[in-house]
């Protein structure tokens, strides 16, 4: 038999334990004074509803996985559990599950030595470089990684024989579009032409000014097709308005094409079988193409349209001048923006010209152009770029690492990630690699 005093103490401890169990597991309210639980007699602190003391044991609270925690229905503010998925104490702050951290500045980091390679021209999240803020606060965001941006070239193989074959396909594509109207032989004299496919029954010409009105449609199509020659008078001018675009304008002649001095015209000028001669000081935005015949140009300016055409120009997409059979001659100081070529004949007189493109002599050739390959790294918050955090690196400087730093006020649940993209350009080698990377979030204030 235990002494009476010990027996009473044991009874009190059993009672307190029972009350604690009731408090923890029974939703029925229990009213009473402060309770103390200990292996010796204690007087609980009056400010505590329950006080537990021990020199050799601890209190074990519920241990839940993150999924189990998230399945708690209507958690009370201050509800606390131990998260076995993250090995952290969590408490519900009334809005979300926060991490209970004390004693040092909270920080989170993710790191890996794995290599990640991408050729994406849109921002993609770098694997393992994503962290979710556990609590509200002001955060410093740090990222660094090794990076490899290889030297890059753009290699183009080109055959003028294949380009000549493409001329017939291009011509057939244009003439396959059904006519919508007819027109007299002469255009101009202040005339305004609306979109359509116009047939001309003879040698067509332009005198004075002609306006092509797109009527607000940037895809408005203009095809003027004659069954003989096509000429312009000196000083003839073709102007595009209201959305009309030079890449969607086509002038097709069965025979030779000739432009008087100071002509200003826009669109693709295509002879089915003969030469093209362009007088001095003409300005053309478009293309000069012929299946067979010499091309003479200059001095003047010939420029490729900025946008793609509604017609597939195949191998000739970047060409401003090409003939399937005949010489190409430049006269005087001219400026060309686009490629130039012939399948049969000599290309001469270009020593005095500025050519922003490539000149292709008859035959097959390969052009290798060095590429300034670039990659951009950025910090994103909840899928949106964090301002001023993007940094671009180029293969020309042969970088070995990349470092980003940012600052943001986050609330619990906000996600920070690092994203990467490469520039959009044709290149033999497009892949950029990162490795040995680390992302760190450091809380520096509330």
Protein backbone atom coordinates (compact mmCIF):
# COMPACT_ATOMS: atom_id res chain seq x y z
CA UNK A 1 0.00 0.00 0.00
CA UNK A 2 1.26 3.49 -0.92
CA UNK A 3 1.30 6.12 1.82
CA UNK A 4 -1.86 8.19 1.80
CA UNK A 5 -0.09 11.33 0.54
CA UNK A 6 1.39 9.53 -2.45
CA UNK A 7 -1.91 7.85 -3.17
CA UNK A 8 -3.66 11.24 -3.25
CA UNK A 9 -0.95 12.66 -5.57
CA UNK A 10 -1.32 9.69 -7.89
CA UNK A 11 -5.08 10.21 -8.00
CA UNK A 12 -4.61 13.90 -8.85
CA UNK A 13 -2.20 13.08 -11.67
CA UNK A 14 -4.60 10.51 -13.07
CA UNK A 15 -7.40 13.07 -12.87
CA UNK A 16 -5.31 15.75 -14.61
CA UNK A 17 -4.30 13.33 -17.34
CA UNK A 18 -7.92 12.38 -17.86
CA UNK A 19 -8.93 16.03 -18.03
CA UNK A 20 -6.18 16.75 -20.56
CA UNK A 21 -7.36 13.85 -22.72
CA UNK A 22 -10.88 15.21 -22.54
CA UNK A 23 -9.66 18.66 -23.52
CA UNK A 24 -7.69 17.32 -26.48
CA UNK A 25 -10.16 14.79 -27.83
CA UNK A 26 -13.63 15.80 -26.66
CA UNK A 27 -15.46 18.78 -28.17
CA UNK A 28 -17.48 19.20 -24.92
CA UNK A 29 -16.38 22.32 -22.97
CA UNK A 30 -14.88 21.71 -19.48
CA UNK A 31 -14.73 24.54 -16.93
CA UNK A 32 -12.24 24.64 -14.10
CA UNK A 33 -9.09 26.11 -12.55
CA UNK A 34 -5.53 25.94 -13.93
CA UNK A 35 -4.17 22.41 -14.11
CA UNK A 36 -0.65 21.16 -13.67
CA UNK A 37 0.85 17.93 -14.99
CA UNK A 38 4.17 16.75 -13.61
CA UNK A 39 5.88 13.79 -11.96
CA UNK A 40 6.04 15.86 -8.76
CA UNK A 41 3.53 18.09 -7.06
CA UNK A 42 3.36 21.56 -8.73
CA UNK A 43 1.30 24.67 -8.51
CA UNK A 44 0.42 25.65 -12.11
CA UNK A 45 1.02 29.20 -13.22
CA UNK A 46 -2.26 31.11 -12.88
CA UNK A 47 -1.90 32.48 -16.43
CA UNK A 48 -1.95 28.99 -17.97
CA UNK A 49 -5.00 26.78 -18.35
CA UNK A 50 -2.64 23.78 -18.39
CA UNK A 51 1.01 23.68 -17.30
CA UNK A 52 3.25 20.66 -17.80
CA UNK A 53 6.68 20.26 -16.22
CA UNK A 54 9.31 17.60 -16.75
CA UNK A 55 13.06 17.27 -16.67
CA UNK A 56 13.19 14.14 -18.78
CA UNK A 57 10.25 14.08 -21.20
CA UNK A 58 8.63 16.31 -23.82
CA UNK A 59 5.20 16.93 -25.25
CA UNK A 60 4.46 15.16 -28.55
CA UNK A 61 1.96 17.02 -30.73
CA UNK A 62 0.14 15.51 -33.72
CA UNK A 63 2.44 14.55 -36.60
CA UNK A 64 0.85 14.92 -40.06
CA UNK A 65 2.04 14.85 -43.65
CA UNK A 66 1.45 18.03 -45.63
CA UNK A 67 -1.45 16.37 -47.43
CA UNK A 68 -3.03 15.29 -44.15
CA UNK A 69 -2.54 18.78 -42.74
CA UNK A 70 -4.23 20.36 -45.76
CA UNK A 71 -7.20 18.03 -45.33
CA UNK A 72 -8.03 19.43 -41.88
CA UNK A 73 -11.46 20.98 -42.23
CA UNK A 74 -11.71 24.59 -41.01
CA UNK A 75 -8.50 24.76 -38.95
CA UNK A 76 -8.66 27.11 -35.99
CA UNK A 77 -6.28 30.05 -35.76
CA UNK A 78 -3.16 28.94 -33.78
CA UNK A 79 -3.81 25.24 -34.48
CA UNK A 80 -0.39 23.57 -34.44
CA UNK A 81 1.01 20.37 -35.95
CA UNK A 82 4.37 18.88 -36.86
CA UNK A 83 4.73 18.61 -40.66
CA UNK A 84 6.46 15.31 -41.44
CA UNK A 85 6.79 16.24 -45.13
CA UNK A 86 9.00 19.26 -44.40
CA UNK A 87 10.17 18.39 -40.85
CA UNK A 88 8.87 21.73 -39.54
CA UNK A 89 6.35 22.91 -36.97
CA UNK A 90 3.34 24.53 -38.67
CA UNK A 91 0.63 26.69 -37.19
CA UNK A 92 -2.49 28.07 -38.82
CA UNK A 93 -2.43 31.89 -38.71
CA UNK A 94 -6.05 32.33 -39.74
CA UNK A 95 -5.25 32.48 -43.47
CA UNK A 96 -2.70 29.75 -44.24
CA UNK A 97 -0.35 27.27 -42.62
CA UNK A 98 2.80 29.14 -41.56
CA UNK A 99 6.16 27.78 -40.44
CA UNK A 100 7.13 28.34 -36.84
CA UNK A 101 10.72 29.59 -36.92
CA UNK A 102 12.65 31.37 -34.17
CA UNK A 103 16.15 32.10 -33.07
CA UNK A 104 17.55 33.15 -36.50
CA UNK A 105 16.60 34.86 -39.73
CA UNK A 106 14.34 32.52 -41.74
CA UNK A 107 15.76 31.41 -45.04
CA UNK A 108 14.98 28.78 -47.64
CA UNK A 109 17.19 27.46 -50.35
CA UNK A 110 17.17 24.92 -53.15
CA UNK A 111 20.30 23.63 -54.82
CA UNK A 112 21.37 20.97 -57.30
CA UNK A 113 24.38 19.96 -59.36
CA UNK A 114 22.27 18.47 -62.15
CA UNK A 115 22.68 19.91 -65.65
CA UNK A 116 19.64 21.43 -67.32
CA UNK A 117 19.67 22.18 -71.06
CA UNK A 118 17.10 24.11 -73.06
CA UNK A 119 16.57 25.70 -76.47
CA UNK A 120 13.28 27.37 -75.55
CA UNK A 121 12.72 30.91 -76.80
CA UNK A 122 10.01 31.38 -74.15
CA UNK A 123 10.78 31.62 -70.43
CA UNK A 124 10.95 28.18 -68.79
CA UNK A 125 11.42 27.41 -65.09
CA UNK A 126 14.86 26.00 -64.36
CA UNK A 127 14.34 22.70 -62.49
CA UNK A 128 14.79 22.86 -58.69
CA UNK A 129 14.92 26.66 -58.85
CA UNK A 130 11.52 27.34 -57.32
CA UNK A 131 10.63 28.16 -53.70
CA UNK A 132 7.37 29.02 -51.93
CA UNK A 133 7.40 31.56 -49.10
CA UNK A 134 6.32 29.98 -45.81
CA UNK A 135 5.32 33.26 -44.16
CA UNK A 136 4.74 36.95 -44.83
CA UNK A 137 7.73 39.24 -45.00
CA UNK A 138 10.34 41.12 -46.99
CA UNK A 139 12.73 38.76 -48.78
CA UNK A 140 16.10 38.99 -50.45
CA UNK A 141 16.26 36.63 -53.44
CA UNK A 142 19.63 35.25 -54.53
CA UNK A 143 20.46 32.96 -57.45
CA UNK A 144 23.72 31.81 -58.97
CA UNK A 145 24.63 29.07 -61.40
CA UNK A 146 27.23 27.87 -63.84
CA UNK A 147 26.15 28.56 -67.43
CA UNK A 148 27.32 27.35 -70.83
CA UNK A 149 26.37 29.31 -73.95
CA UNK A 150 28.11 27.61 -76.89
CA UNK A 151 29.52 29.37 -79.91
CA UNK A 152 26.92 29.30 -82.65
CA UNK A 153 26.72 29.55 -86.43
CA UNK A 154 23.94 29.62 -88.96
CA UNK A 155 24.76 27.36 -91.88
CA UNK A 156 22.73 27.76 -95.06
CA UNK A 157 23.08 25.51 -98.08
CA UNK A 158 21.72 27.08 -101.25
CA UNK A 159 21.28 25.85 -104.84
CA UNK A 160 20.41 28.38 -107.55
CA UNK A 161 18.94 25.53 -109.63
CA UNK A 162 16.45 24.78 -106.84
CA UNK A 163 15.68 28.48 -106.55
CA UNK A 164 14.96 28.63 -110.30
CA UNK A 165 12.49 25.74 -109.89
CA UNK A 166 10.87 27.64 -107.02
CA UNK A 167 10.26 30.61 -109.35
CA UNK A 168 7.76 28.55 -111.33
CA UNK A 169 6.02 27.38 -108.16
CA UNK A 170 5.75 30.95 -106.87
CA UNK A 171 4.40 32.22 -110.19
CA UNK A 172 1.84 29.41 -110.32
CA UNK A 173 0.70 30.14 -106.74
CA UNK A 174 0.06 33.78 -107.58
CA UNK A 175 -1.72 33.15 -110.90
CA UNK A 176 -3.90 30.48 -109.26
CA UNK A 177 -5.68 33.18 -107.26
CA UNK A 178 -8.98 33.89 -109.03
CA UNK A 179 -9.38 37.33 -110.67
CA UNK A 180 -11.89 39.73 -109.15
CA UNK A 181 -11.79 42.57 -111.71
CA UNK A 182 -10.24 43.89 -114.92
CA UNK A 183 -8.42 47.13 -115.59
CA UNK A 184 -7.47 49.28 -118.54
CA UNK A 185 -3.86 49.29 -119.69
CA UNK A 186 -2.85 52.43 -117.80
CA UNK A 187 -2.78 52.95 -114.03
CA UNK A 188 -2.10 56.21 -112.19
CA UNK A 189 -3.07 59.82 -112.73
CA UNK A 190 -4.13 60.08 -109.07
CA UNK A 191 -6.05 56.81 -109.16
CA UNK A 192 -6.95 54.96 -105.93
CA UNK A 193 -7.09 51.19 -106.22
CA UNK A 194 -8.86 48.96 -103.68
CA UNK A 195 -7.86 45.33 -102.87
CA UNK A 196 -8.42 42.77 -105.60
CA UNK A 197 -6.96 40.63 -108.38
CA UNK A 198 -6.89 42.72 -111.58
CA UNK A 199 -6.40 41.34 -115.10
CA UNK A 200 -4.97 43.61 -117.81
CA UNK A 201 -5.35 42.56 -121.44
CA UNK A 202 -2.16 43.98 -122.89
CA UNK A 203 0.97 45.99 -121.99
CA UNK A 204 0.25 47.74 -118.71
CA UNK A 205 1.85 50.93 -117.39
CA UNK A 206 1.84 53.43 -114.53
CA UNK A 207 1.91 57.17 -115.13
CA UNK A 208 1.97 59.73 -112.34
CA UNK A 209 0.63 58.63 -108.93
CA UNK A 210 -1.26 55.50 -107.93
CA UNK A 211 -2.56 54.76 -104.41
CA UNK A 212 -3.30 51.26 -103.14
CA UNK A 213 -5.87 51.55 -100.34
CA UNK A 214 -5.96 48.58 -97.94
CA UNK A 215 -9.22 49.88 -96.41
CA UNK A 216 -8.00 49.09 -92.89
CA UNK A 217 -6.97 45.49 -93.64
CA UNK A 218 -3.26 44.74 -93.07
CA UNK A 219 -3.72 41.53 -95.11
CA UNK A 220 -5.30 43.29 -98.08
CA UNK A 221 -4.19 41.57 -101.31
CA UNK A 222 -3.35 43.40 -104.55
CA UNK A 223 -2.48 41.40 -107.68
CA UNK A 224 -2.10 43.25 -110.99
CA UNK A 225 -1.53 40.76 -113.80
CA UNK A 226 -0.90 41.56 -117.47
CA UNK A 227 -0.33 39.36 -120.51
CA UNK A 228 2.39 41.54 -122.03
CA UNK A 229 5.06 44.01 -120.83
CA UNK A 230 4.93 46.35 -117.82
CA UNK A 231 6.49 49.83 -117.70
CA UNK A 232 6.38 52.99 -115.61
CA UNK A 233 6.97 56.57 -116.68
CA UNK A 234 9.72 58.66 -115.08
CA UNK A 235 8.69 59.79 -111.63
CA UNK A 236 5.79 57.34 -111.32
CA UNK A 237 4.80 56.75 -107.68
CA UNK A 238 2.87 53.94 -106.00
CA UNK A 239 1.78 54.72 -102.42
CA UNK A 240 0.26 52.25 -99.91
CA UNK A 241 -2.31 53.51 -97.38
CA UNK A 242 -4.79 52.24 -94.79
CA UNK A 243 -3.06 48.96 -93.97
CA UNK A 244 -1.82 48.00 -97.44
CA UNK A 245 1.56 46.23 -97.12
CA UNK A 246 4.30 45.79 -99.78
CA UNK A 247 4.60 42.04 -99.09
CA UNK A 248 0.98 41.61 -100.23
CA UNK A 249 1.31 43.50 -103.52
CA UNK A 250 2.19 41.63 -106.76
CA UNK A 251 2.84 42.96 -110.29
CA UNK A 252 2.99 40.14 -112.86
CA UNK A 253 4.01 40.66 -116.48
CA UNK A 254 4.27 38.08 -119.22
CA UNK A 255 7.10 40.00 -120.91
CA UNK A 256 9.77 42.55 -119.96
CA UNK A 257 9.51 45.00 -117.08
CA UNK A 258 11.00 48.51 -117.29
CA UNK A 259 10.94 51.41 -114.84
CA UNK A 260 11.59 55.03 -115.70
CA UNK A 261 13.99 57.11 -113.60
CA UNK A 262 12.85 58.13 -110.11
CA UNK A 263 10.06 55.57 -109.99
CA UNK A 264 8.89 54.74 -106.48
CA UNK A 265 6.99 51.45 -106.33
CA UNK A 266 6.21 48.72 -103.79
CA UNK A 267 5.52 45.01 -104.16
CA UNK A 268 6.88 41.92 -105.94
CA UNK A 269 7.62 42.57 -109.63
CA UNK A 270 7.67 39.31 -111.57
CA UNK A 271 8.37 38.74 -115.26
CA UNK A 272 7.38 35.34 -116.57
CA UNK A 273 9.92 35.25 -119.38
CA UNK A 274 11.97 38.38 -119.96
CA UNK A 275 14.42 41.00 -118.68
CA UNK A 276 13.94 43.62 -115.98
CA UNK A 277 15.49 47.09 -116.35
CA UNK A 278 15.28 49.70 -113.59
CA UNK A 279 16.24 53.32 -114.32
CA UNK A 280 18.33 55.64 -112.19
CA UNK A 281 17.30 56.68 -108.68
CA UNK A 282 14.36 54.34 -108.37
CA UNK A 283 13.19 53.26 -104.91
CA UNK A 284 11.60 49.81 -104.66
CA UNK A 285 10.31 48.03 -101.57
CA UNK A 286 9.73 44.47 -102.70
CA UNK A 287 11.36 41.99 -105.09
CA UNK A 288 12.54 41.78 -108.70
CA UNK A 289 12.07 38.25 -110.06
CA UNK A 290 12.22 36.77 -113.54
CA UNK A 291 12.23 33.21 -114.80
CA UNK A 292 14.57 34.06 -117.69
CA UNK A 293 16.26 37.33 -118.51
CA UNK A 294 18.91 39.79 -117.39
CA UNK A 295 18.32 42.25 -114.56
CA UNK A 296 19.81 45.76 -114.61
CA UNK A 297 19.45 48.07 -111.61
CA UNK A 298 20.79 51.34 -110.36
CA UNK A 299 21.74 53.58 -109.02
CA UNK A 300 18.85 53.24 -106.58
CA UNK A 301 17.45 51.41 -103.55
CA UNK A 302 15.92 47.94 -103.39
CA UNK A 303 14.62 46.73 -100.01
CA UNK A 304 12.96 43.50 -98.87
CA UNK A 305 9.57 44.01 -97.12
CA UNK A 306 9.67 43.74 -93.33
CA UNK A 307 7.03 41.00 -93.02
CA UNK A 308 6.30 37.64 -94.64
CA UNK A 309 4.17 37.46 -97.75
CA UNK A 310 0.85 35.66 -98.17
CA UNK A 311 2.67 33.64 -100.86
CA UNK A 312 5.32 31.08 -99.91
CA UNK A 313 8.57 32.25 -101.54
CA UNK A 314 10.34 29.02 -100.55
CA UNK A 315 14.11 29.27 -101.11
CA UNK A 316 13.69 32.87 -102.27
CA UNK A 317 12.12 34.15 -99.05
CA UNK A 318 15.08 36.43 -98.28
CA UNK A 319 15.79 37.47 -101.90
CA UNK A 320 15.16 40.89 -103.36
CA UNK A 321 16.52 40.01 -106.80
CA UNK A 322 16.80 36.70 -108.65
CA UNK A 323 16.78 35.52 -112.24
CA UNK A 324 16.44 31.96 -113.47
CA UNK A 325 18.71 32.72 -116.43
CA UNK A 326 20.60 35.93 -117.14
CA UNK A 327 23.17 38.35 -115.79
CA UNK A 328 22.64 40.76 -112.91
CA UNK A 329 24.22 44.22 -113.27
CA UNK A 330 24.37 47.11 -110.84
CA UNK A 331 25.05 50.66 -111.97
CA UNK A 332 26.32 53.40 -109.69
CA UNK A 333 25.92 53.74 -105.94
CA UNK A 334 22.99 51.55 -104.94
CA UNK A 335 21.75 50.07 -101.66
CA UNK A 336 20.34 46.56 -101.48
CA UNK A 337 18.74 45.02 -98.39
CA UNK A 338 18.23 41.31 -99.05
CA UNK A 339 19.87 38.51 -101.05
CA UNK A 340 20.75 38.61 -104.75
CA UNK A 341 21.35 35.73 -107.18
CA UNK A 342 21.18 34.15 -110.61
CA UNK A 343 21.07 30.59 -111.89
CA UNK A 344 22.84 31.42 -115.15
CA UNK A 345 24.96 34.49 -115.86
CA UNK A 346 27.40 36.91 -114.25
CA UNK A 347 26.74 39.25 -111.35
CA UNK A 348 28.64 42.49 -111.94
CA UNK A 349 29.03 46.10 -110.86
CA UNK A 350 28.40 45.60 -107.16
CA UNK A 351 31.74 47.00 -105.96
CA UNK A 352 30.12 50.44 -105.68
CA UNK A 353 26.97 49.10 -104.01
CA UNK A 354 26.05 48.45 -100.40
CA UNK A 355 24.57 44.97 -100.03
CA UNK A 356 22.94 44.06 -96.73
CA UNK A 357 22.59 40.43 -97.68
CA UNK A 358 24.36 37.70 -99.65
CA UNK A 359 25.20 37.56 -103.36
CA UNK A 360 24.77 34.04 -104.77
CA UNK A 361 26.58 33.22 -107.98
CA UNK A 362 25.18 30.44 -110.18
CA UNK A 363 25.58 26.98 -108.66
CA UNK A 364 25.50 25.56 -105.16
CA UNK A 365 27.04 27.20 -102.12
CA UNK A 366 27.15 27.09 -98.35
CA UNK A 367 27.14 30.17 -96.19
CA UNK A 368 28.24 30.02 -92.55
CA UNK A 369 27.35 33.06 -90.48
CA UNK A 370 28.53 33.46 -86.84
CA UNK A 371 25.62 34.01 -84.46
CA UNK A 372 25.66 36.22 -81.40
CA UNK A 373 23.86 33.66 -79.25
CA UNK A 374 22.20 35.05 -76.11
CA UNK A 375 20.37 33.71 -73.06
CA UNK A 376 18.27 35.67 -70.57
CA UNK A 377 17.85 34.71 -66.90
CA UNK A 378 15.12 36.30 -64.76
CA UNK A 379 13.39 36.10 -61.38
CA UNK A 380 9.64 35.48 -61.49
CA UNK A 381 7.09 35.92 -58.70
CA UNK A 382 3.86 33.93 -59.09
CA UNK A 383 4.55 33.63 -62.83
CA UNK A 384 5.23 37.34 -63.38
CA UNK A 385 8.65 38.84 -64.09
CA UNK A 386 10.09 40.64 -61.07
CA UNK A 387 11.04 44.08 -62.43
CA UNK A 388 14.71 44.81 -63.22
CA UNK A 389 15.90 41.25 -62.46
CA UNK A 390 16.52 40.01 -66.00
CA UNK A 391 20.13 39.54 -67.11
CA UNK A 392 21.27 38.58 -70.62
CA UNK A 393 24.51 36.76 -71.39
CA UNK A 394 26.11 36.22 -74.80
CA UNK A 395 28.37 33.51 -76.16
CA UNK A 396 30.70 36.26 -77.44
CA UNK A 397 31.82 36.97 -73.88
CA UNK A 398 31.98 33.25 -73.05
CA UNK A 399 30.36 33.55 -69.58
CA UNK A 400 30.93 30.83 -67.01
CA UNK A 401 28.35 31.87 -64.44
CA UNK A 402 25.23 33.94 -63.87
CA UNK A 403 24.11 35.67 -60.68
CA UNK A 404 20.74 37.32 -59.99
CA UNK A 405 19.56 39.34 -57.01
CA UNK A 406 16.12 40.67 -56.25
CA UNK A 407 13.90 41.96 -53.47
CA UNK A 408 10.21 41.41 -52.94
CA UNK A 409 7.53 41.56 -50.26
CA UNK A 410 5.96 38.11 -50.13
CA UNK A 411 2.98 36.59 -48.40
CA UNK A 412 2.80 32.95 -47.43
CA UNK A 413 2.23 30.85 -50.52
CA UNK A 414 3.91 33.23 -52.99
CA UNK A 415 6.26 31.36 -55.32
CA UNK A 416 9.63 32.57 -56.55
CA UNK A 417 11.32 30.82 -59.46
CA UNK A 418 14.18 31.38 -61.88
CA UNK A 419 13.46 31.20 -65.60
CA UNK A 420 15.62 31.00 -68.72
CA UNK A 421 15.10 31.64 -72.42
CA UNK A 422 17.30 32.00 -75.50
CA UNK A 423 17.06 34.57 -78.27
CA UNK A 424 14.93 33.89 -81.35
CA UNK A 425 17.18 33.44 -84.38
CA UNK A 426 18.22 30.75 -86.80
CA UNK A 427 21.20 28.86 -85.46
CA UNK A 428 22.87 25.46 -85.84
CA UNK A 429 23.36 25.17 -82.07
CA UNK A 430 20.56 26.51 -79.88
CA UNK A 431 21.01 24.82 -76.52
CA UNK A 432 22.06 26.62 -73.33
CA UNK A 433 23.02 24.67 -70.20
CA UNK A 434 23.07 25.49 -66.49
CA UNK A 435 24.48 23.44 -63.61
CA UNK A 436 25.62 23.72 -59.95
CA UNK A 437 22.87 26.20 -59.19
CA UNK A 438 21.30 27.49 -56.00
CA UNK A 439 18.26 29.65 -55.19
CA UNK A 440 18.00 31.23 -51.74
CA UNK A 441 15.21 33.27 -50.12
CA UNK A 442 16.28 35.21 -47.02
CA UNK A 443 13.66 36.95 -44.90
CA UNK A 444 15.02 40.36 -43.91
CA UNK A 445 11.93 41.95 -42.39
CA UNK A 446 8.25 41.63 -41.60
